[in-house]
């Protein structure tokens, strides 16, 4: 999920602010999803 989000952001975010936007946003979204959905579902599997 993190890789997919990062690729999307790399395509739409201007080069000048990629360092400030891509990593933090991708990791923040993935982190929330990991604790909310991915982690419990994967733990169950």
ModelCIF file with pLDDT and N, C-alpha, C, O atoms, coordinates in Angstrom:
data_MODEL
#
_entry.id   MODEL 
#
_entity.id                         1 
_entity.type                       polymer 
_entity.pdbx_number_of_molecules   1 
#
_entity_poly.entity_id                      1 
_entity_poly.type                           'polypeptide(L)' 
_entity_poly.nstd_linkage                   no 
_entity_poly.nstd_monomer                   no 
_entity_poly.pdbx_seq_one_letter_code       
;(UNK)(UNK)(UNK)(UNK)(UNK)(UNK)(UNK)(UNK)(UNK)(UNK)(UNK)(UNK)(UNK)(UNK)(UNK)(UNK)
(UNK)(UNK)(UNK)(UNK)(UNK)(UNK)(UNK)(UNK)(UNK)(UNK)(UNK)(UNK)(UNK)(UNK)(UNK)(UNK)
(UNK)(UNK)(UNK)(UNK)(UNK)(UNK)(UNK)(UNK)(UNK)(UNK)(UNK)(UNK)(UNK)
;
_entity_poly.pdbx_seq_one_letter_code_can   XXXXXXXXXXXXXXXXXXXXXXXXXXXXXXXXXXXXXXXXXXXXX 
_entity_poly.pdbx_strand_id                 A 
#
loop_
_entity_poly_seq.entity_id 
_entity_poly_seq.num 
_entity_poly_seq.mon_id 
_entity_poly_seq.hetero 
1 1  UNK n 
1 2  UNK n 
1 3  UNK n 
1 4  UNK n 
1 5  UNK n 
1 6  UNK n 
1 7  UNK n 
1 8  UNK n 
1 9  UNK n 
1 10 UNK n 
1 11 UNK n 
1 12 UNK n 
1 13 UNK n 
1 14 UNK n 
1 15 UNK n 
1 16 UNK n 
1 17 UNK n 
1 18 UNK n 
1 19 UNK n 
1 20 UNK n 
1 21 UNK n 
1 22 UNK n 
1 23 UNK n 
1 24 UNK n 
1 25 UNK n 
1 26 UNK n 
1 27 UNK n 
1 28 UNK n 
1 29 UNK n 
1 30 UNK n 
1 31 UNK n 
1 32 UNK n 
1 33 UNK n 
1 34 UNK n 
1 35 UNK n 
1 36 UNK n 
1 37 UNK n 
1 38 UNK n 
1 39 UNK n 
1 40 UNK n 
1 41 UNK n 
1 42 UNK n 
1 43 UNK n 
1 44 UNK n 
1 45 UNK n 
#
_struct_asym.id          A 
_struct_asym.entity_id   1 
#
loop_
_ma_qa_metric.id 
_ma_qa_metric.mode 
_ma_qa_metric.name 
_ma_qa_metric.software_group_id 
_ma_qa_metric.type 
1 global pLDDT . pLDDT 
2 local  pLDDT . pLDDT 
#
_ma_qa_metric_global.metric_id      1 
_ma_qa_metric_global.metric_value   89.78 
_ma_qa_metric_global.model_id       1 
_ma_qa_metric_global.ordinal_id     1 
#
loop_
_ma_qa_metric_local.label_asym_id 
_ma_qa_metric_local.label_comp_id 
_ma_qa_metric_local.label_seq_id 
_ma_qa_metric_local.metric_id 
_ma_qa_metric_local.metric_value 
_ma_qa_metric_local.model_id 
_ma_qa_metric_local.ordinal_id 
A UNK 1  2 94.00 1 1  
A UNK 2  2 94.00 1 2  
A UNK 3  2 93.00 1 3  
A UNK 4  2 93.00 1 4  
A UNK 5  2 94.00 1 5  
A UNK 6  2 93.00 1 6  
A UNK 7  2 92.00 1 7  
A UNK 8  2 92.00 1 8  
A UNK 9  2 93.00 1 9  
A UNK 10 2 91.00 1 10 
A UNK 11 2 90.00 1 11 
A UNK 12 2 91.00 1 12 
A UNK 13 2 90.00 1 13 
A UNK 14 2 89.00 1 14 
A UNK 15 2 86.00 1 15 
A UNK 16 2 87.00 1 16 
A UNK 17 2 90.00 1 17 
A UNK 18 2 86.00 1 18 
A UNK 19 2 87.00 1 19 
A UNK 20 2 89.00 1 20 
A UNK 21 2 90.00 1 21 
A UNK 22 2 90.00 1 22 
A UNK 23 2 89.00 1 23 
A UNK 24 2 92.00 1 24 
A UNK 25 2 93.00 1 25 
A UNK 26 2 93.00 1 26 
A UNK 27 2 94.00 1 27 
A UNK 28 2 93.00 1 28 
A UNK 29 2 93.00 1 29 
A UNK 30 2 94.00 1 30 
A UNK 31 2 90.00 1 31 
A UNK 32 2 90.00 1 32 
A UNK 33 2 91.00 1 33 
A UNK 34 2 90.00 1 34 
A UNK 35 2 89.00 1 35 
A UNK 36 2 88.00 1 36 
A UNK 37 2 89.00 1 37 
A UNK 38 2 90.00 1 38 
A UNK 39 2 85.00 1 39 
A UNK 40 2 86.00 1 40 
A UNK 41 2 88.00 1 41 
A UNK 42 2 84.00 1 42 
A UNK 43 2 80.00 1 43 
A UNK 44 2 83.00 1 44 
A UNK 45 2 82.00 1 45 
#
loop_
_atom_site.group_PDB 
_atom_site.id 
_atom_site.type_symbol 
_atom_site.label_atom_id 
_atom_site.label_alt_id 
_atom_site.label_comp_id 
_atom_site.label_asym_id 
_atom_site.label_entity_id 
_atom_site.label_seq_id 
_atom_site.pdbx_PDB_ins_code 
_atom_site.Cartn_x 
_atom_site.Cartn_y 
_atom_site.Cartn_z 
_atom_site.occupancy 
_atom_site.B_iso_or_equiv 
_atom_site.pdbx_formal_charge 
_atom_site.auth_seq_id 
_atom_site.auth_comp_id 
_atom_site.auth_asym_id 
_atom_site.auth_atom_id 
_atom_site.pdbx_PDB_model_num 
ATOM 1   N N  . UNK A 1 1  ? 0.839  -1.202  0.000   1.00 94.00 ? 1  UNK A N  1 
ATOM 2   C CA . UNK A 1 1  ? 0.000  0.000   0.000   1.00 94.00 ? 1  UNK A CA 1 
ATOM 3   C C  . UNK A 1 1  ? 0.874  1.252   0.000   1.00 94.00 ? 1  UNK A C  1 
ATOM 4   O O  . UNK A 1 1  ? 0.601  2.200   -0.737  1.00 94.00 ? 1  UNK A O  1 
ATOM 5   N N  . UNK A 1 2  ? 1.915  1.259   0.817   1.00 94.00 ? 2  UNK A N  1 
ATOM 6   C CA . UNK A 1 2  ? 2.818  2.412   0.895   1.00 94.00 ? 2  UNK A CA 1 
ATOM 7   C C  . UNK A 1 2  ? 3.469  2.692   -0.457  1.00 94.00 ? 2  UNK A C  1 
ATOM 8   O O  . UNK A 1 2  ? 3.570  3.845   -0.877  1.00 94.00 ? 2  UNK A O  1 
ATOM 9   N N  . UNK A 1 3  ? 3.910  1.627   -1.138  1.00 93.00 ? 3  UNK A N  1 
ATOM 10  C CA . UNK A 1 3  ? 4.550  1.801   -2.442  1.00 93.00 ? 3  UNK A CA 1 
ATOM 11  C C  . UNK A 1 3  ? 3.584  2.373   -3.473  1.00 93.00 ? 3  UNK A C  1 
ATOM 12  O O  . UNK A 1 3  ? 3.955  3.217   -4.288  1.00 93.00 ? 3  UNK A O  1 
ATOM 13  N N  . UNK A 1 4  ? 2.332  1.899   -3.427  1.00 93.00 ? 4  UNK A N  1 
ATOM 14  C CA . UNK A 1 4  ? 1.337  2.405   -4.382  1.00 93.00 ? 4  UNK A CA 1 
ATOM 15  C C  . UNK A 1 4  ? 1.042  3.889   -4.133  1.00 93.00 ? 4  UNK A C  1 
ATOM 16  O O  . UNK A 1 4  ? 0.966  4.681   -5.072  1.00 93.00 ? 4  UNK A O  1 
ATOM 17  N N  . UNK A 1 5  ? 0.881  4.250   -2.865  1.00 94.00 ? 5  UNK A N  1 
ATOM 18  C CA . UNK A 1 5  ? 0.612  5.648   -2.534  1.00 94.00 ? 5  UNK A CA 1 
ATOM 19  C C  . UNK A 1 5  ? 1.797  6.524   -2.925  1.00 94.00 ? 5  UNK A C  1 
ATOM 20  O O  . UNK A 1 5  ? 1.616  7.614   -3.469  1.00 94.00 ? 5  UNK A O  1 
ATOM 21  N N  . UNK A 1 6  ? 3.002  6.048   -2.649  1.00 93.00 ? 6  UNK A N  1 
ATOM 22  C CA . UNK A 1 6  ? 4.197  6.819   -2.988  1.00 93.00 ? 6  UNK A CA 1 
ATOM 23  C C  . UNK A 1 6  ? 4.303  7.053   -4.492  1.00 93.00 ? 6  UNK A C  1 
ATOM 24  O O  . UNK A 1 6  ? 4.655  8.151   -4.922  1.00 93.00 ? 6  UNK A O  1 
ATOM 25  N N  . UNK A 1 7  ? 4.001  6.033   -5.297  1.00 92.00 ? 7  UNK A N  1 
ATOM 26  C CA . UNK A 1 7  ? 4.064  6.190   -6.752  1.00 92.00 ? 7  UNK A CA 1 
ATOM 27  C C  . UNK A 1 7  ? 3.066  7.230   -7.244  1.00 92.00 ? 7  UNK A C  1 
ATOM 28  O O  . UNK A 1 7  ? 3.384  8.051   -8.104  1.00 92.00 ? 7  UNK A O  1 
ATOM 29  N N  . UNK A 1 8  ? 1.857  7.188   -6.693  1.00 92.00 ? 8  UNK A N  1 
ATOM 30  C CA . UNK A 1 8  ? 0.838  8.165   -7.090  1.00 92.00 ? 8  UNK A CA 1 
ATOM 31  C C  . UNK A 1 8  ? 1.296  9.574   -6.735  1.00 92.00 ? 8  UNK A C  1 
ATOM 32  O O  . UNK A 1 8  ? 1.193  10.486  -7.555  1.00 92.00 ? 8  UNK A O  1 
ATOM 33  N N  . UNK A 1 9  ? 1.798  9.756   -5.525  1.00 93.00 ? 9  UNK A N  1 
ATOM 34  C CA . UNK A 1 9  ? 2.246  11.079  -5.094  1.00 93.00 ? 9  UNK A CA 1 
ATOM 35  C C  . UNK A 1 9  ? 3.429  11.563  -5.923  1.00 93.00 ? 9  UNK A C  1 
ATOM 36  O O  . UNK A 1 9  ? 3.518  12.751  -6.231  1.00 93.00 ? 9  UNK A O  1 
ATOM 37  N N  . UNK A 1 10 ? 4.326  10.676  -6.284  1.00 91.00 ? 10 UNK A N  1 
ATOM 38  C CA . UNK A 1 10 ? 5.472  11.063  -7.106  1.00 91.00 ? 10 UNK A CA 1 
ATOM 39  C C  . UNK A 1 10 ? 5.048  11.570  -8.479  1.00 91.00 ? 10 UNK A C  1 
ATOM 40  O O  . UNK A 1 10 ? 5.745  12.375  -9.096  1.00 91.00 ? 10 UNK A O  1 
ATOM 41  N N  . UNK A 1 11 ? 3.896  11.089  -8.953  1.00 90.00 ? 11 UNK A N  1 
ATOM 42  C CA . UNK A 1 11 ? 3.408  11.531  -10.261 1.00 90.00 ? 11 UNK A CA 1 
ATOM 43  C C  . UNK A 1 11 ? 2.731  12.898  -10.190 1.00 90.00 ? 11 UNK A C  1 
ATOM 44  O O  . UNK A 1 11 ? 2.792  13.663  -11.153 1.00 90.00 ? 11 UNK A O  1 
ATOM 45  N N  . UNK A 1 12 ? 2.090  13.215  -9.075  1.00 91.00 ? 12 UNK A N  1 
ATOM 46  C CA . UNK A 1 12 ? 1.277  14.433  -9.010  1.00 91.00 ? 12 UNK A CA 1 
ATOM 47  C C  . UNK A 1 12 ? 1.934  15.573  -8.239  1.00 91.00 ? 12 UNK A C  1 
ATOM 48  O O  . UNK A 1 12 ? 1.562  16.731  -8.429  1.00 91.00 ? 12 UNK A O  1 
ATOM 49  N N  . UNK A 1 13 ? 2.888  15.276  -7.383  1.00 90.00 ? 13 UNK A N  1 
ATOM 50  C CA . UNK A 1 13 ? 3.513  16.323  -6.570  1.00 90.00 ? 13 UNK A CA 1 
ATOM 51  C C  . UNK A 1 13 ? 4.668  16.953  -7.346  1.00 90.00 ? 13 UNK A C  1 
ATOM 52  O O  . UNK A 1 13 ? 5.497  16.226  -7.894  1.00 90.00 ? 13 UNK A O  1 
ATOM 53  N N  . UNK A 1 14 ? 4.747  18.274  -7.408  1.00 89.00 ? 14 UNK A N  1 
ATOM 54  C CA . UNK A 1 14 ? 5.860  18.945  -8.096  1.00 89.00 ? 14 UNK A CA 1 
ATOM 55  C C  . UNK A 1 14 ? 7.208  18.561  -7.492  1.00 89.00 ? 14 UNK A C  1 
ATOM 56  O O  . UNK A 1 14 ? 7.317  18.327  -6.288  1.00 89.00 ? 14 UNK A O  1 
ATOM 57  N N  . UNK A 1 15 ? 8.220  18.499  -8.335  1.00 86.00 ? 15 UNK A N  1 
ATOM 58  C CA . UNK A 1 15 ? 9.556  18.087  -7.893  1.00 86.00 ? 15 UNK A CA 1 
ATOM 59  C C  . UNK A 1 15 ? 10.079 18.961  -6.754  1.00 86.00 ? 15 UNK A C  1 
ATOM 60  O O  . UNK A 1 15 ? 10.785 18.473  -5.871  1.00 86.00 ? 15 UNK A O  1 
ATOM 61  N N  . UNK A 1 16 ? 9.743  20.226  -6.770  1.00 87.00 ? 16 UNK A N  1 
ATOM 62  C CA . UNK A 1 16 ? 10.299 21.146  -5.781  1.00 87.00 ? 16 UNK A CA 1 
ATOM 63  C C  . UNK A 1 16 ? 9.897  20.815  -4.355  1.00 87.00 ? 16 UNK A C  1 
ATOM 64  O O  . UNK A 1 16 ? 10.624 21.152  -3.420  1.00 87.00 ? 16 UNK A O  1 
ATOM 65  N N  . UNK A 1 17 ? 8.761  20.165  -4.165  1.00 90.00 ? 17 UNK A N  1 
ATOM 66  C CA . UNK A 1 17 ? 8.296  19.883  -2.800  1.00 90.00 ? 17 UNK A CA 1 
ATOM 67  C C  . UNK A 1 17 ? 8.119  18.380  -2.531  1.00 90.00 ? 17 UNK A C  1 
ATOM 68  O O  . UNK A 1 17 ? 7.535  17.989  -1.521  1.00 90.00 ? 17 UNK A O  1 
ATOM 69  N N  . UNK A 1 18 ? 8.628  17.550  -3.442  1.00 86.00 ? 18 UNK A N  1 
ATOM 70  C CA . UNK A 1 18 ? 8.456  16.103  -3.253  1.00 86.00 ? 18 UNK A CA 1 
ATOM 71  C C  . UNK A 1 18 ? 9.046  15.630  -1.933  1.00 86.00 ? 18 UNK A C  1 
ATOM 72  O O  . UNK A 1 18 ? 8.432  14.829  -1.228  1.00 86.00 ? 18 UNK A O  1 
ATOM 73  N N  . UNK A 1 19 ? 10.233 16.122  -1.597  1.00 87.00 ? 19 UNK A N  1 
ATOM 74  C CA . UNK A 1 19 ? 10.890 15.675  -0.364  1.00 87.00 ? 19 UNK A CA 1 
ATOM 75  C C  . UNK A 1 19 ? 10.060 15.998  0.858   1.00 87.00 ? 19 UNK A C  1 
ATOM 76  O O  . UNK A 1 19 ? 10.092 15.265  1.846   1.00 87.00 ? 19 UNK A O  1 
ATOM 77  N N  . UNK A 1 20 ? 9.309  17.103  0.798   1.00 89.00 ? 20 UNK A N  1 
ATOM 78  C CA . UNK A 1 20 ? 8.522  17.537  1.947   1.00 89.00 ? 20 UNK A CA 1 
ATOM 79  C C  . UNK A 1 20 ? 7.135  16.912  1.998   1.00 89.00 ? 20 UNK A C  1 
ATOM 80  O O  . UNK A 1 20 ? 6.480  16.929  3.040   1.00 89.00 ? 20 UNK A O  1 
ATOM 81  N N  . UNK A 1 21 ? 6.685  16.358  0.869   1.00 90.00 ? 21 UNK A N  1 
ATOM 82  C CA . UNK A 1 21 ? 5.308  15.880  0.786   1.00 90.00 ? 21 UNK A CA 1 
ATOM 83  C C  . UNK A 1 21 ? 5.198  14.369  0.654   1.00 90.00 ? 21 UNK A C  1 
ATOM 84  O O  . UNK A 1 21 ? 4.461  13.737  1.411   1.00 90.00 ? 21 UNK A O  1 
ATOM 85  N N  . UNK A 1 22 ? 5.930  13.770  -0.308  1.00 90.00 ? 22 UNK A N  1 
ATOM 86  C CA . UNK A 1 22 ? 5.701  12.370  -0.671  1.00 90.00 ? 22 UNK A CA 1 
ATOM 87  C C  . UNK A 1 22 ? 5.903  11.423  0.499   1.00 90.00 ? 22 UNK A C  1 
ATOM 88  O O  . UNK A 1 22 ? 5.004  10.652  0.835   1.00 90.00 ? 22 UNK A O  1 
ATOM 89  N N  . UNK A 1 23 ? 7.067  11.471  1.118   1.00 89.00 ? 23 UNK A N  1 
ATOM 90  C CA . UNK A 1 23 ? 7.359  10.552  2.209   1.00 89.00 ? 23 UNK A CA 1 
ATOM 91  C C  . UNK A 1 23 ? 6.430  10.711  3.396   1.00 89.00 ? 23 UNK A C  1 
ATOM 92  O O  . UNK A 1 23 ? 5.820  9.736   3.835   1.00 89.00 ? 23 UNK A O  1 
ATOM 93  N N  . UNK A 1 24 ? 6.307  11.941  3.933   1.00 92.00 ? 24 UNK A N  1 
ATOM 94  C CA . UNK A 1 24 ? 5.425  12.122  5.105   1.00 92.00 ? 24 UNK A CA 1 
ATOM 95  C C  . UNK A 1 24 ? 3.979  11.737  4.857   1.00 92.00 ? 24 UNK A C  1 
ATOM 96  O O  . UNK A 1 24 ? 3.359  11.061  5.678   1.00 92.00 ? 24 UNK A O  1 
ATOM 97  N N  . UNK A 1 25 ? 3.436  12.173  3.709   1.00 93.00 ? 25 UNK A N  1 
ATOM 98  C CA . UNK A 1 25 ? 2.025  11.875  3.429   1.00 93.00 ? 25 UNK A CA 1 
ATOM 99  C C  . UNK A 1 25 ? 1.816  10.377  3.217   1.00 93.00 ? 25 UNK A C  1 
ATOM 100 O O  . UNK A 1 25 ? 0.882  9.790   3.764   1.00 93.00 ? 25 UNK A O  1 
ATOM 101 N N  . UNK A 1 26 ? 2.687  9.766   2.425   1.00 93.00 ? 26 UNK A N  1 
ATOM 102 C CA . UNK A 1 26 ? 2.542  8.326   2.146   1.00 93.00 ? 26 UNK A CA 1 
ATOM 103 C C  . UNK A 1 26 ? 2.649  7.511   3.427   1.00 93.00 ? 26 UNK A C  1 
ATOM 104 O O  . UNK A 1 26 ? 1.865  6.588   3.651   1.00 93.00 ? 26 UNK A O  1 
ATOM 105 N N  . UNK A 1 27 ? 3.623  7.856   4.269   1.00 94.00 ? 27 UNK A N  1 
ATOM 106 C CA . UNK A 1 27 ? 3.822  7.091   5.499   1.00 94.00 ? 27 UNK A CA 1 
ATOM 107 C C  . UNK A 1 27 ? 2.688  7.340   6.483   1.00 94.00 ? 27 UNK A C  1 
ATOM 108 O O  . UNK A 1 27 ? 2.278  6.423   7.195   1.00 94.00 ? 27 UNK A O  1 
ATOM 109 N N  . UNK A 1 28 ? 2.178  8.559   6.534   1.00 93.00 ? 28 UNK A N  1 
ATOM 110 C CA . UNK A 1 28 ? 1.090  8.884   7.456   1.00 93.00 ? 28 UNK A CA 1 
ATOM 111 C C  . UNK A 1 28 ? -0.182 8.124   7.081   1.00 93.00 ? 28 UNK A C  1 
ATOM 112 O O  . UNK A 1 28 ? -0.831 7.522   7.938   1.00 93.00 ? 28 UNK A O  1 
ATOM 113 N N  . UNK A 1 29 ? -0.532 8.156   5.794   1.00 93.00 ? 29 UNK A N  1 
ATOM 114 C CA . UNK A 1 29 ? -1.736 7.445   5.348   1.00 93.00 ? 29 UNK A CA 1 
ATOM 115 C C  . UNK A 1 29 ? -1.595 5.948   5.579   1.00 93.00 ? 29 UNK A C  1 
ATOM 116 O O  . UNK A 1 29 ? -2.510 5.300   6.086   1.00 93.00 ? 29 UNK A O  1 
ATOM 117 N N  . UNK A 1 30 ? -0.447 5.407   5.205   1.00 94.00 ? 30 UNK A N  1 
ATOM 118 C CA . UNK A 1 30 ? -0.230 3.962   5.367   1.00 94.00 ? 30 UNK A CA 1 
ATOM 119 C C  . UNK A 1 30 ? -0.234 3.571   6.837   1.00 94.00 ? 30 UNK A C  1 
ATOM 120 O O  . UNK A 1 30 ? -0.749 2.513   7.198   1.00 94.00 ? 30 UNK A O  1 
ATOM 121 N N  . UNK A 1 31 ? 0.337  4.418   7.685   1.00 90.00 ? 31 UNK A N  1 
ATOM 122 C CA . UNK A 1 31 ? 0.357  4.125   9.113   1.00 90.00 ? 31 UNK A CA 1 
ATOM 123 C C  . UNK A 1 31 ? -1.046 4.025   9.698   1.00 90.00 ? 31 UNK A C  1 
ATOM 124 O O  . UNK A 1 31 ? -1.349 3.100   10.451  1.00 90.00 ? 31 UNK A O  1 
ATOM 125 N N  . UNK A 1 32 ? -1.899 4.987   9.345   1.00 90.00 ? 32 UNK A N  1 
ATOM 126 C CA . UNK A 1 32 ? -3.280 4.929   9.816   1.00 90.00 ? 32 UNK A CA 1 
ATOM 127 C C  . UNK A 1 32 ? -3.982 3.672   9.310   1.00 90.00 ? 32 UNK A C  1 
ATOM 128 O O  . UNK A 1 32 ? -4.670 2.988   10.068  1.00 90.00 ? 32 UNK A O  1 
ATOM 129 N N  . UNK A 1 33 ? -3.803 3.372   8.015   1.00 91.00 ? 33 UNK A N  1 
ATOM 130 C CA . UNK A 1 33 ? -4.433 2.177   7.447   1.00 91.00 ? 33 UNK A CA 1 
ATOM 131 C C  . UNK A 1 33 ? -3.883 0.900   8.088   1.00 91.00 ? 33 UNK A C  1 
ATOM 132 O O  . UNK A 1 33 ? -4.617 -0.066  8.293   1.00 91.00 ? 33 UNK A O  1 
ATOM 133 N N  . UNK A 1 34 ? -2.597 0.908   8.398   1.00 90.00 ? 34 UNK A N  1 
ATOM 134 C CA . UNK A 1 34 ? -1.972 -0.279  8.986   1.00 90.00 ? 34 UNK A CA 1 
ATOM 135 C C  . UNK A 1 34 ? -2.587 -0.611  10.341  1.00 90.00 ? 34 UNK A C  1 
ATOM 136 O O  . UNK A 1 34 ? -2.904 -1.769  10.616  1.00 90.00 ? 34 UNK A O  1 
ATOM 137 N N  . UNK A 1 35 ? -2.755 0.399   11.184  1.00 89.00 ? 35 UNK A N  1 
ATOM 138 C CA . UNK A 1 35 ? -3.310 0.148   12.514  1.00 89.00 ? 35 UNK A CA 1 
ATOM 139 C C  . UNK A 1 35 ? -4.822 -0.060  12.481  1.00 89.00 ? 35 UNK A C  1 
ATOM 140 O O  . UNK A 1 35 ? -5.374 -0.783  13.309  1.00 89.00 ? 35 UNK A O  1 
ATOM 141 N N  . UNK A 1 36 ? -5.486 0.578   11.519  1.00 88.00 ? 36 UNK A N  1 
ATOM 142 C CA . UNK A 1 36 ? -6.938 0.521   11.469  1.00 88.00 ? 36 UNK A CA 1 
ATOM 143 C C  . UNK A 1 36 ? -7.456 -0.731  10.771  1.00 88.00 ? 36 UNK A C  1 
ATOM 144 O O  . UNK A 1 36 ? -8.388 -1.369  11.261  1.00 88.00 ? 36 UNK A O  1 
ATOM 145 N N  . UNK A 1 37 ? -6.861 -1.093  9.626   1.00 89.00 ? 37 UNK A N  1 
ATOM 146 C CA . UNK A 1 37 ? -7.396 -2.175  8.794   1.00 89.00 ? 37 UNK A CA 1 
ATOM 147 C C  . UNK A 1 37 ? -6.373 -3.270  8.514   1.00 89.00 ? 37 UNK A C  1 
ATOM 148 O O  . UNK A 1 37 ? -6.617 -4.446  8.786   1.00 89.00 ? 37 UNK A O  1 
ATOM 149 N N  . UNK A 1 38 ? -5.228 -2.874  7.969   1.00 90.00 ? 38 UNK A N  1 
ATOM 150 C CA . UNK A 1 38 ? -4.263 -3.863  7.463   1.00 90.00 ? 38 UNK A CA 1 
ATOM 151 C C  . UNK A 1 38 ? -3.741 -4.765  8.572   1.00 90.00 ? 38 UNK A C  1 
ATOM 152 O O  . UNK A 1 38 ? -3.732 -5.989  8.441   1.00 90.00 ? 38 UNK A O  1 
ATOM 153 N N  . UNK A 1 39 ? -3.306 -4.142  9.669   1.00 85.00 ? 39 UNK A N  1 
ATOM 154 C CA . UNK A 1 39 ? -2.738 -4.934  10.754  1.00 85.00 ? 39 UNK A CA 1 
ATOM 155 C C  . UNK A 1 39 ? -3.706 -5.963  11.312  1.00 85.00 ? 39 UNK A C  1 
ATOM 156 O O  . UNK A 1 39 ? -3.368 -7.146  11.356  1.00 85.00 ? 39 UNK A O  1 
ATOM 157 N N  . UNK A 1 40 ? -4.913 -5.554  11.746  1.00 86.00 ? 40 UNK A N  1 
ATOM 158 C CA . UNK A 1 40 ? -5.857 -6.546  12.276  1.00 86.00 ? 40 UNK A CA 1 
ATOM 159 C C  . UNK A 1 40 ? -6.233 -7.633  11.279  1.00 86.00 ? 40 UNK A C  1 
ATOM 160 O O  . UNK A 1 40 ? -6.342 -8.803  11.646  1.00 86.00 ? 40 UNK A O  1 
ATOM 161 N N  . UNK A 1 41 ? -6.435 -7.245  9.997   1.00 88.00 ? 41 UNK A N  1 
ATOM 162 C CA . UNK A 1 41 ? -6.800 -8.246  8.995   1.00 88.00 ? 41 UNK A CA 1 
ATOM 163 C C  . UNK A 1 41 ? -5.648 -9.218  8.748   1.00 88.00 ? 41 UNK A C  1 
ATOM 164 O O  . UNK A 1 41 ? -5.853 -10.430 8.687   1.00 88.00 ? 41 UNK A O  1 
ATOM 165 N N  . UNK A 1 42 ? -4.428 -8.675  8.607   1.00 84.00 ? 42 UNK A N  1 
ATOM 166 C CA . UNK A 1 42 ? -3.260 -9.534  8.365   1.00 84.00 ? 42 UNK A CA 1 
ATOM 167 C C  . UNK A 1 42 ? -2.973 -10.413 9.573   1.00 84.00 ? 42 UNK A C  1 
ATOM 168 O O  . UNK A 1 42 ? -2.567 -11.567 9.428   1.00 84.00 ? 42 UNK A O  1 
ATOM 169 N N  . UNK A 1 43 ? -3.185 -9.863  10.770  1.00 80.00 ? 43 UNK A N  1 
ATOM 170 C CA . UNK A 1 43 ? -2.975 -10.656 11.977  1.00 80.00 ? 43 UNK A CA 1 
ATOM 171 C C  . UNK A 1 43 ? -3.961 -11.821 12.034  1.00 80.00 ? 43 UNK A C  1 
ATOM 172 O O  . UNK A 1 43 ? -3.613 -12.924 12.455  1.00 80.00 ? 43 UNK A O  1 
ATOM 173 N N  . UNK A 1 44 ? -5.185 -11.562 11.608  1.00 83.00 ? 44 UNK A N  1 
ATOM 174 C CA . UNK A 1 44 ? -6.189 -12.621 11.567  1.00 83.00 ? 44 UNK A CA 1 
ATOM 175 C C  . UNK A 1 44 ? -5.783 -13.716 10.581  1.00 83.00 ? 44 UNK A C  1 
ATOM 176 O O  . UNK A 1 44 ? -5.899 -14.903 10.883  1.00 83.00 ? 44 UNK A O  1 
ATOM 177 N N  . UNK A 1 45 ? -5.308 -13.313 9.401   1.00 82.00 ? 45 UNK A N  1 
ATOM 178 C CA . UNK A 1 45 ? -4.862 -14.293 8.398   1.00 82.00 ? 45 UNK A CA 1 
ATOM 179 C C  . UNK A 1 45 ? -3.650 -15.072 8.914   1.00 82.00 ? 45 UNK A C  1 
ATOM 180 O O  . UNK A 1 45 ? -3.132 -15.941 8.213   1.00 82.00 ? 45 UNK A O  1 
#
